[in-house]
Structure formats: C-alpha cells, structure tokens
Amino acid sequence: VEGIGVSFIPKTFDRKVCDAIIMVSDDDAFATVRELARKEGVLGGSSSGANVFAAMEIARQLGQGKRVVTVIPDAAERYLSKNIFDGGI
C-alpha cells in the first residue's frame, strides 16, 4: 500500500497511545476497498482499505457488543487508473 508501511513512521506517531500495529497485505487492503465500494458506497483508497480491514479484524477479536472506530484517510480518485474496482492491483 503506497504511503504506509514499516518504512514510513510519521513524526506525530506516539507509540505510547497505540494499542497494536496490524500488518495488512496489499491484497487484503484492496479487497476491502472493493468491498467498501460495493456494500457501503464508500470510495476509499488503499490506506482506507487497510484501516477498515484492521478494524474488522479487531472487531472479530473483541466479539459482539464492542465498538471499534477507524478513519477513511484517503479517497479512491488517486487509484482509479490502477483499476482497483475492476480487480486490478
């Protein structure tokens, strides 16, 4: 996923307030992007797919009745040329 990963740590990142770091594969991130578009009408980019995939994984671990919050940090227009909604990437 462009712009995020092990080699990119923002200066504003404070590990003390982070509960976990979850690795998400490109395939899972882009599959989640397509699922968000198809089921929810949300056109996010690859970072959004990674965030939502990780949030769904945490929700599965916590079980029913718990709340998990995430953000959709990017939009799909940057990725349209890569055909992410046609199964590309």
PDB file of N, CA and C in Angstrom:
ATOM      1  N   VAL A   1       0.855  -1.171   0.000  1.00  0.00           N
ATOM      2  CA  VAL A   1       0.000   0.000   0.000  1.00  0.00           C
ATOM      3  C   VAL A   1       0.895   1.225   0.000  1.00  0.00           C
ATOM      4  N   GLU A   2       0.694   2.078  -0.977  1.00  0.00           N
ATOM      5  CA  GLU A   2       1.540   3.264  -1.108  1.00  0.00           C
ATOM      6  C   GLU A   2       1.370   4.202   0.079  1.00  0.00           C
ATOM      7  N   GLY A   3       2.476   4.716   0.587  1.00  0.00           N
ATOM      8  CA  GLY A   3       2.436   5.753   1.611  1.00  0.00           C
ATOM      9  C   GLY A   3       2.369   5.275   3.046  1.00  0.00           C
ATOM     10  N   ILE A   4       2.167   3.978   3.251  1.00  0.00           N
ATOM     11  CA  ILE A   4       2.166   3.460   4.623  1.00  0.00           C
ATOM     12  C   ILE A   4       3.020   2.198   4.657  1.00  0.00           C
ATOM     13  N   GLY A   5       3.424   1.817   5.825  1.00  0.00           N
ATOM     14  CA  GLY A   5       4.203   0.588   5.954  1.00  0.00           C
ATOM     15  C   GLY A   5       5.324   0.749   6.948  1.00  0.00           C
ATOM     16  N   VAL A   6       6.122  -0.288   7.040  1.00  0.00           N
ATOM     17  CA  VAL A   6       7.203  -0.345   8.023  1.00  0.00           C
ATOM     18  C   VAL A   6       8.184   0.805   7.849  1.00  0.00           C
ATOM     19  N   SER A   7       8.448   1.193   6.607  1.00  0.00           N
ATOM     20  CA  SER A   7       9.445   2.238   6.360  1.00  0.00           C
ATOM     21  C   SER A   7       8.901   3.646   6.572  1.00  0.00           C
ATOM     22  N   PHE A   8       7.593   3.785   6.798  1.00  0.00           N
ATOM     23  CA  PHE A   8       7.001   5.108   6.974  1.00  0.00           C
ATOM     24  C   PHE A   8       6.430   5.230   8.378  1.00  0.00           C
ATOM     25  N   ILE A   9       7.078   6.031   9.207  1.00  0.00           N
ATOM     26  CA  ILE A   9       6.580   6.310  10.552  1.00  0.00           C
ATOM     27  C   ILE A   9       6.460   7.826  10.684  1.00  0.00           C
ATOM     28  N   PRO A  10       5.223   8.349  10.743  1.00  0.00           N
ATOM     29  CA  PRO A  10       5.044   9.801  10.840  1.00  0.00           C
ATOM     30  C   PRO A  10       5.665  10.362  12.115  1.00  0.00           C
ATOM     31  N   LYS A  11       6.129  11.587  12.053  1.00  0.00           N
ATOM     32  CA  LYS A  11       6.725  12.234  13.228  1.00  0.00           C
ATOM     33  C   LYS A  11       5.717  12.388  14.356  1.00  0.00           C
ATOM     34  N   THR A  12       4.430  12.446  14.015  1.00  0.00           N
ATOM     35  CA  THR A  12       3.389  12.635  15.023  1.00  0.00           C
ATOM     36  C   THR A  12       2.960  11.329  15.693  1.00  0.00           C
ATOM     37  N   PHE A  13       3.499  10.193  15.248  1.00  0.00           N
ATOM     38  CA  PHE A  13       3.117   8.897  15.814  1.00  0.00           C
ATOM     39  C   PHE A  13       3.662   8.753  17.231  1.00  0.00           C
ATOM     40  N   ASP A  14       2.780   8.448  18.173  1.00  0.00           N
ATOM     41  CA  ASP A  14       3.162   8.245  19.574  1.00  0.00           C
ATOM     42  C   ASP A  14       2.839   6.802  19.954  1.00  0.00           C
ATOM     43  N   ARG A  15       3.834   5.957  19.993  1.00  0.00           N
ATOM     44  CA  ARG A  15       3.651   4.528  20.272  1.00  0.00           C
ATOM     45  C   ARG A  15       2.979   4.285  21.622  1.00  0.00           C
ATOM     46  N   LYS A  16       3.132   5.217  22.566  1.00  0.00           N
ATOM     47  CA  LYS A  16       2.557   5.039  23.902  1.00  0.00           C
ATOM     48  C   LYS A  16       1.031   5.014  23.889  1.00  0.00           C
ATOM     49  N   VAL A  17       0.405   5.621  22.890  1.00  0.00           N
ATOM     50  CA  VAL A  17      -1.057   5.652  22.834  1.00  0.00           C
ATOM     51  C   VAL A  17      -1.611   4.664  21.802  1.00  0.00           C
ATOM     52  N   CYS A  18      -0.762   3.814  21.286  1.00  0.00           N
ATOM     53  CA  CYS A  18      -1.152   2.828  20.277  1.00  0.00           C
ATOM     54  C   CYS A  18      -1.281   1.453  20.934  1.00  0.00           C
ATOM     55  N   ASP A  19      -2.434   0.835  20.785  1.00  0.00           N
ATOM     56  CA  ASP A  19      -2.652  -0.492  21.370  1.00  0.00           C
ATOM     57  C   ASP A  19      -2.006  -1.606  20.561  1.00  0.00           C
ATOM     58  N   ALA A  20      -1.969  -1.453  19.236  1.00  0.00           N
ATOM     59  CA  ALA A  20      -1.438  -2.528  18.394  1.00  0.00           C
ATOM     60  C   ALA A  20      -1.091  -1.988  17.016  1.00  0.00           C
ATOM     61  N   ILE A  21      -0.209  -2.693  16.352  1.00  0.00           N
ATOM     62  CA  ILE A  21       0.096  -2.432  14.949  1.00  0.00           C
ATOM     63  C   ILE A  21      -0.267  -3.705  14.208  1.00  0.00           C
ATOM     64  N   ILE A  22      -1.118  -3.582  13.215  1.00  0.00           N
ATOM     65  CA  ILE A  22      -1.607  -4.750  12.488  1.00  0.00           C
ATOM     66  C   ILE A  22      -1.100  -4.693  11.057  1.00  0.00           C
ATOM     67  N   MET A  23      -0.426  -5.735  10.646  1.00  0.00           N
ATOM     68  CA  MET A  23       0.066  -5.825   9.273  1.00  0.00           C
ATOM     69  C   MET A  23      -1.089  -6.247   8.364  1.00  0.00           C
ATOM     70  N   VAL A  24      -1.260  -5.526   7.254  1.00  0.00           N
ATOM     71  CA  VAL A  24      -2.315  -5.829   6.285  1.00  0.00           C
ATOM     72  C   VAL A  24      -1.662  -5.964   4.916  1.00  0.00           C
ATOM     73  N   SER A  25      -1.933  -7.049   4.241  1.00  0.00           N
ATOM     74  CA  SER A  25      -1.355  -7.251   2.909  1.00  0.00           C
ATOM     75  C   SER A  25      -2.029  -6.332   1.892  1.00  0.00           C
ATOM     76  N   ASP A  26      -1.334  -6.055   0.803  1.00  0.00           N
ATOM     77  CA  ASP A  26      -1.924  -5.262  -0.276  1.00  0.00           C
ATOM     78  C   ASP A  26      -3.203  -5.918  -0.778  1.00  0.00           C
ATOM     79  N   ASP A  27      -3.181  -7.234  -0.940  1.00  0.00           N
ATOM     80  CA  ASP A  27      -4.367  -7.941  -1.434  1.00  0.00           C
ATOM     81  C   ASP A  27      -5.563  -7.729  -0.514  1.00  0.00           C
ATOM     82  N   ASP A  28      -5.353  -7.831   0.798  1.00  0.00           N
ATOM     83  CA  ASP A  28      -6.449  -7.626   1.749  1.00  0.00           C
ATOM     84  C   ASP A  28      -6.923  -6.177   1.746  1.00  0.00           C
ATOM     85  N   ALA A  29      -5.990  -5.231   1.657  1.00  0.00           N
ATOM     86  CA  ALA A  29      -6.364  -3.812   1.634  1.00  0.00           C
ATOM     87  C   ALA A  29      -7.225  -3.503   0.411  1.00  0.00           C
ATOM     88  N   PHE A  30      -6.806  -3.965  -0.762  1.00  0.00           N
ATOM     89  CA  PHE A  30      -7.557  -3.659  -1.979  1.00  0.00           C
ATOM     90  C   PHE A  30      -8.860  -4.441  -2.065  1.00  0.00           C
ATOM     91  N   ALA A  31      -8.893  -5.654  -1.538  1.00  0.00           N
ATOM     92  CA  ALA A  31     -10.159  -6.398  -1.488  1.00  0.00           C
ATOM     93  C   ALA A  31     -11.158  -5.671  -0.593  1.00  0.00           C
ATOM     94  N   THR A  32     -10.672  -5.093   0.498  1.00  0.00           N
ATOM     95  CA  THR A  32     -11.538  -4.343   1.402  1.00  0.00           C
ATOM     96  C   THR A  32     -12.014  -3.055   0.753  1.00  0.00           C
ATOM     97  N   VAL A  33     -11.157  -2.399  -0.039  1.00  0.00           N
ATOM     98  CA  VAL A  33     -11.568  -1.204  -0.790  1.00  0.00           C
ATOM     99  C   VAL A  33     -12.750  -1.553  -1.695  1.00  0.00           C
ATOM    100  N   ARG A  34     -12.633  -2.658  -2.406  1.00  0.00           N
ATOM    101  CA  ARG A  34     -13.712  -3.063  -3.315  1.00  0.00           C
ATOM    102  C   ARG A  34     -14.984  -3.414  -2.544  1.00  0.00           C
ATOM    103  N   GLU A  35     -14.832  -4.078  -1.406  1.00  0.00           N
ATOM    104  CA  GLU A  35     -15.989  -4.427  -0.583  1.00  0.00           C
ATOM    105  C   GLU A  35     -16.672  -3.176  -0.030  1.00  0.00           C
ATOM    106  N   LEU A  36     -15.886  -2.201   0.414  1.00  0.00           N
ATOM    107  CA  LEU A  36     -16.455  -0.936   0.898  1.00  0.00           C
ATOM    108  C   LEU A  36     -17.263  -0.242  -0.189  1.00  0.00           C
ATOM    109  N   ALA A  37     -16.742  -0.233  -1.396  1.00  0.00           N
ATOM    110  CA  ALA A  37     -17.448   0.408  -2.512  1.00  0.00           C
ATOM    111  C   ALA A  37     -18.734  -0.347  -2.836  1.00  0.00           C
ATOM    112  N   ARG A  38     -18.646  -1.652  -2.912  1.00  0.00           N
ATOM    113  CA  ARG A  38     -19.785  -2.479  -3.310  1.00  0.00           C
ATOM    114  C   ARG A  38     -20.890  -2.487  -2.250  1.00  0.00           C
ATOM    115  N   LYS A  39     -20.521  -2.652  -0.977  1.00  0.00           N
ATOM    116  CA  LYS A  39     -21.517  -2.823   0.080  1.00  0.00           C
ATOM    117  C   LYS A  39     -21.955  -1.527   0.747  1.00  0.00           C
ATOM    118  N   GLU A  40     -21.040  -0.552   0.831  1.00  0.00           N
ATOM    119  CA  GLU A  40     -21.330   0.670   1.586  1.00  0.00           C
ATOM    120  C   GLU A  40     -21.352   1.930   0.729  1.00  0.00           C
ATOM    121  N   GLY A  41     -20.890   1.838  -0.516  1.00  0.00           N
ATOM    122  CA  GLY A  41     -20.835   3.023  -1.370  1.00  0.00           C
ATOM    123  C   GLY A  41     -19.724   3.979  -0.987  1.00  0.00           C
ATOM    124  N   VAL A  42     -18.737   3.493  -0.245  1.00  0.00           N
ATOM    125  CA  VAL A  42     -17.614   4.318   0.206  1.00  0.00           C
ATOM    126  C   VAL A  42     -16.445   4.092  -0.743  1.00  0.00           C
ATOM    127  N   LEU A  43     -15.981   5.165  -1.386  1.00  0.00           N
ATOM    128  CA  LEU A  43     -14.886   5.065  -2.350  1.00  0.00           C
ATOM    129  C   LEU A  43     -13.585   5.520  -1.705  1.00  0.00           C
ATOM    130  N   GLY A  44     -13.006   4.653  -0.930  1.00  0.00           N
ATOM    131  CA  GLY A  44     -11.742   4.945  -0.265  1.00  0.00           C
ATOM    132  C   GLY A  44     -10.577   4.414  -1.066  1.00  0.00           C
ATOM    133  N   GLY A  45      -9.395   4.806  -0.667  1.00  0.00           N
ATOM    134  CA  GLY A  45      -8.179   4.322  -1.303  1.00  0.00           C
ATOM    135  C   GLY A  45      -7.580   3.168  -0.522  1.00  0.00           C
ATOM    136  N   SER A  46      -6.359   2.817  -0.876  1.00  0.00           N
ATOM    137  CA  SER A  46      -5.730   1.639  -0.275  1.00  0.00           C
ATOM    138  C   SER A  46      -5.483   1.792   1.230  1.00  0.00           C
ATOM    139  N   SER A  47      -5.138   2.986   1.680  1.00  0.00           N
ATOM    140  CA  SER A  47      -4.959   3.200   3.126  1.00  0.00           C
ATOM    141  C   SER A  47      -6.276   2.982   3.864  1.00  0.00           C
ATOM    142  N   SER A  48      -7.359   3.409   3.248  1.00  0.00           N
ATOM    143  CA  SER A  48      -8.682   3.190   3.838  1.00  0.00           C
ATOM    144  C   SER A  48      -8.987   1.709   3.934  1.00  0.00           C
ATOM    145  N   GLY A  49      -8.680   0.978   2.869  1.00  0.00           N
ATOM    146  CA  GLY A  49      -8.900  -0.464   2.892  1.00  0.00           C
ATOM    147  C   GLY A  49      -8.106  -1.140   3.993  1.00  0.00           C
ATOM    148  N   ALA A  50      -6.856  -0.716   4.166  1.00  0.00           N
ATOM    149  CA  ALA A  50      -6.020  -1.285   5.227  1.00  0.00           C
ATOM    150  C   ALA A  50      -6.595  -0.961   6.604  1.00  0.00           C
ATOM    151  N   ASN A  51      -7.020   0.290   6.807  1.00  0.00           N
ATOM    152  CA  ASN A  51      -7.593   0.681   8.101  1.00  0.00           C
ATOM    153  C   ASN A  51      -8.852  -0.112   8.418  1.00  0.00           C
ATOM    154  N   VAL A  52      -9.747  -0.219   7.441  1.00  0.00           N
ATOM    155  CA  VAL A  52     -11.008  -0.921   7.678  1.00  0.00           C
ATOM    156  C   VAL A  52     -10.759  -2.417   7.877  1.00  0.00           C
ATOM    157  N   PHE A  53      -9.853  -3.000   7.101  1.00  0.00           N
ATOM    158  CA  PHE A  53      -9.521  -4.416   7.288  1.00  0.00           C
ATOM    159  C   PHE A  53      -9.028  -4.655   8.715  1.00  0.00           C
ATOM    160  N   ALA A  54      -8.111  -3.813   9.188  1.00  0.00           N
ATOM    161  CA  ALA A  54      -7.575  -3.959  10.550  1.00  0.00           C
ATOM    162  C   ALA A  54      -8.673  -3.760  11.594  1.00  0.00           C
ATOM    163  N   ALA A  55      -9.546  -2.778  11.388  1.00  0.00           N
ATOM    164  CA  ALA A  55     -10.641  -2.533  12.330  1.00  0.00           C
ATOM    165  C   ALA A  55     -11.582  -3.734  12.391  1.00  0.00           C
ATOM    166  N   MET A  56     -11.859  -4.338  11.240  1.00  0.00           N
ATOM    167  CA  MET A  56     -12.728  -5.516  11.219  1.00  0.00           C
ATOM    168  C   MET A  56     -12.067  -6.701  11.924  1.00  0.00           C
ATOM    169  N   GLU A  57     -10.760  -6.823  11.781  1.00  0.00           N
ATOM    170  CA  GLU A  57     -10.032  -7.891  12.473  1.00  0.00           C
ATOM    171  C   GLU A  57     -10.100  -7.688  13.991  1.00  0.00           C
ATOM    172  N   ILE A  58      -9.913  -6.461  14.444  1.00  0.00           N
ATOM    173  CA  ILE A  58     -10.014  -6.159  15.878  1.00  0.00           C
ATOM    174  C   ILE A  58     -11.430  -6.443  16.371  1.00  0.00           C
ATOM    175  N   ALA A  59     -12.437  -6.049  15.588  1.00  0.00           N
ATOM    176  CA  ALA A  59     -13.830  -6.295  15.970  1.00  0.00           C
ATOM    177  C   ALA A  59     -14.098  -7.794  16.120  1.00  0.00           C
ATOM    178  N   ARG A  60     -13.555  -8.600  15.215  1.00  0.00           N
ATOM    179  CA  ARG A  60     -13.716 -10.060  15.327  1.00  0.00           C
ATOM    180  C   ARG A  60     -13.082 -10.574  16.622  1.00  0.00           C
ATOM    181  N   GLN A  61     -11.913 -10.045  16.955  1.00  0.00           N
ATOM    182  CA  GLN A  61     -11.218 -10.485  18.171  1.00  0.00           C
ATOM    183  C   GLN A  61     -11.975 -10.083  19.438  1.00  0.00           C
ATOM    184  N   LEU A  62     -12.554  -8.887  19.433  1.00  0.00           N
ATOM    185  CA  LEU A  62     -13.263  -8.387  20.611  1.00  0.00           C
ATOM    186  C   LEU A  62     -14.620  -9.048  20.802  1.00  0.00           C
ATOM    187  N   GLY A  63     -15.254  -9.437  19.720  1.00  0.00           N
ATOM    188  CA  GLY A  63     -16.567 -10.074  19.794  1.00  0.00           C
ATOM    189  C   GLY A  63     -17.702  -9.064  19.761  1.00  0.00           C
ATOM    190  N   GLN A  64     -18.915  -9.601  19.758  1.00  0.00           N
ATOM    191  CA  GLN A  64     -20.106  -8.759  19.661  1.00  0.00           C
ATOM    192  C   GLN A  64     -20.249  -7.836  20.863  1.00  0.00           C
ATOM    193  N   GLY A  65     -20.895  -6.696  20.616  1.00  0.00           N
ATOM    194  CA  GLY A  65     -21.165  -5.747  21.682  1.00  0.00           C
ATOM    195  C   GLY A  65     -20.054  -4.745  21.945  1.00  0.00           C
ATOM    196  N   LYS A  66     -18.958  -4.840  21.214  1.00  0.00           N
ATOM    197  CA  LYS A  66     -17.839  -3.908  21.380  1.00  0.00           C
ATOM    198  C   LYS A  66     -17.826  -2.935  20.208  1.00  0.00           C
ATOM    199  N   ARG A  67     -17.257  -1.767  20.413  1.00  0.00           N
ATOM    200  CA  ARG A  67     -17.156  -0.759  19.358  1.00  0.00           C
ATOM    201  C   ARG A  67     -15.708  -0.570  18.945  1.00  0.00           C
ATOM    202  N   VAL A  68     -15.535  -0.443  17.655  1.00  0.00           N
ATOM    203  CA  VAL A  68     -14.219  -0.184  17.083  1.00  0.00           C
ATOM    204  C   VAL A  68     -14.373   1.011  16.156  1.00  0.00           C
ATOM    205  N   VAL A  69     -13.478   1.972  16.260  1.00  0.00           N
ATOM    206  CA  VAL A  69     -13.534   3.181  15.440  1.00  0.00           C
ATOM    207  C   VAL A  69     -12.285   3.245  14.572  1.00  0.00           C
ATOM    208  N   THR A  70     -12.469   3.616  13.308  1.00  0.00           N
ATOM    209  CA  THR A  70     -11.334   3.840  12.418  1.00  0.00           C
ATOM    210  C   THR A  70     -11.649   5.034  11.530  1.00  0.00           C
ATOM    211  N   VAL A  71     -10.723   5.394  10.683  1.00  0.00           N
ATOM    212  CA  VAL A  71     -10.922   6.509   9.752  1.00  0.00           C
ATOM    213  C   VAL A  71     -10.712   6.012   8.322  1.00  0.00           C
ATOM    214  N   ILE A  72     -11.278   6.757   7.389  1.00  0.00           N
ATOM    215  CA  ILE A  72     -11.066   6.508   5.959  1.00  0.00           C
ATOM    216  C   ILE A  72     -10.185   7.673   5.496  1.00  0.00           C
ATOM    217  N   PRO A  73      -8.849   7.475   5.509  1.00  0.00           N
ATOM    218  CA  PRO A  73      -7.931   8.599   5.324  1.00  0.00           C
ATOM    219  C   PRO A  73      -7.668   9.043   3.890  1.00  0.00           C
ATOM    220  N   ASP A  74      -8.176   8.306   2.907  1.00  0.00           N
ATOM    221  CA  ASP A  74      -7.904   8.723   1.532  1.00  0.00           C
ATOM    222  C   ASP A  74      -9.091   8.385   0.645  1.00  0.00           C
ATOM    223  N   ALA A  75      -9.083   8.952  -0.544  1.00  0.00           N
ATOM    224  CA  ALA A  75     -10.177   8.752  -1.494  1.00  0.00           C
ATOM    225  C   ALA A  75      -9.692   7.930  -2.680  1.00  0.00           C
ATOM    226  N   ALA A  76     -10.631   7.398  -3.419  1.00  0.00           N
ATOM    227  CA  ALA A  76     -10.307   6.463  -4.497  1.00  0.00           C
ATOM    228  C   ALA A  76      -9.794   7.124  -5.762  1.00  0.00           C
ATOM    229  N   GLU A  77     -10.016   8.416  -5.942  1.00  0.00           N
ATOM    230  CA  GLU A  77      -9.663   9.012  -7.242  1.00  0.00           C
ATOM    231  C   GLU A  77      -8.187   8.870  -7.590  1.00  0.00           C
ATOM    232  N   ARG A  78      -7.335   8.764  -6.599  1.00  0.00           N
ATOM    233  CA  ARG A  78      -5.902   8.584  -6.874  1.00  0.00           C
ATOM    234  C   ARG A  78      -5.586   7.202  -7.437  1.00  0.00           C
ATOM    235  N   TYR A  79      -6.501   6.278  -7.276  1.00  0.00           N
ATOM    236  CA  TYR A  79      -6.242   4.891  -7.640  1.00  0.00           C
ATOM    237  C   TYR A  79      -7.059   4.414  -8.837  1.00  0.00           C
ATOM    238  N   LEU A  80      -7.903   5.271  -9.396  1.00  0.00           N
ATOM    239  CA  LEU A  80      -8.772   4.846 -10.492  1.00  0.00           C
ATOM    240  C   LEU A  80      -7.988   4.348 -11.697  1.00  0.00           C
ATOM    241  N   SER A  81      -6.838   4.933 -11.964  1.00  0.00           N
ATOM    242  CA  SER A  81      -6.030   4.496 -13.106  1.00  0.00           C
ATOM    243  C   SER A  81      -5.444   3.098 -12.891  1.00  0.00           C
ATOM    244  N   LYS A  82      -5.472   2.613 -11.667  1.00  0.00           N
ATOM    245  CA  LYS A  82      -4.933   1.281 -11.360  1.00  0.00           C
ATOM    246  C   LYS A  82      -6.013   0.204 -11.385  1.00  0.00           C
ATOM    247  N   ASN A  83      -7.224   0.597 -11.730  1.00  0.00           N
ATOM    248  CA  ASN A  83      -8.337  -0.353 -11.859  1.00  0.00           C
ATOM    249  C   ASN A  83      -8.616  -1.145 -10.585  1.00  0.00           C
ATOM    250  N   ILE A  84      -8.548  -0.503  -9.441  1.00  0.00           N
ATOM    251  CA  ILE A  84      -8.766  -1.238  -8.195  1.00  0.00           C
ATOM    252  C   ILE A  84     -10.189  -1.763  -8.068  1.00  0.00           C
ATOM    253  N   PHE A  85     -11.135  -1.128  -8.745  1.00  0.00           N
ATOM    254  CA  PHE A  85     -12.516  -1.579  -8.642  1.00  0.00           C
ATOM    255  C   PHE A  85     -12.851  -2.641  -9.677  1.00  0.00           C
ATOM    256  N   ASP A  86     -11.917  -2.924 -10.566  1.00  0.00           N
ATOM    257  CA  ASP A  86     -12.091  -3.979 -11.564  1.00  0.00           C
ATOM    258  C   ASP A  86     -11.244  -5.192 -11.216  1.00  0.00           C
ATOM    259  N   GLY A  87     -10.763  -5.258  -9.990  1.00  0.00           N
ATOM    260  CA  GLY A  87      -9.926  -6.382  -9.580  1.00  0.00           C
ATOM    261  C   GLY A  87      -8.459  -6.180  -9.889  1.00  0.00           C
ATOM    262  N   GLY A  88      -8.091  -4.970 -10.344  1.00  0.00           N
ATOM    263  CA  GLY A  88      -6.684  -4.682 -10.620  1.00  0.00           C
ATOM    264  C   GLY A  88      -5.876  -4.616  -9.340  1.00  0.00           C
ATOM    265  N   ILE A  89      -4.596  -4.530  -9.479  1.00  0.00           N
ATOM    266  CA  ILE A  89      -3.604  -4.478  -8.405  1.00  0.00           C
ATOM    267  C   ILE A  89      -3.501  -5.782  -7.689  1.00  0.00           C
TER     268      ILE A  89
END
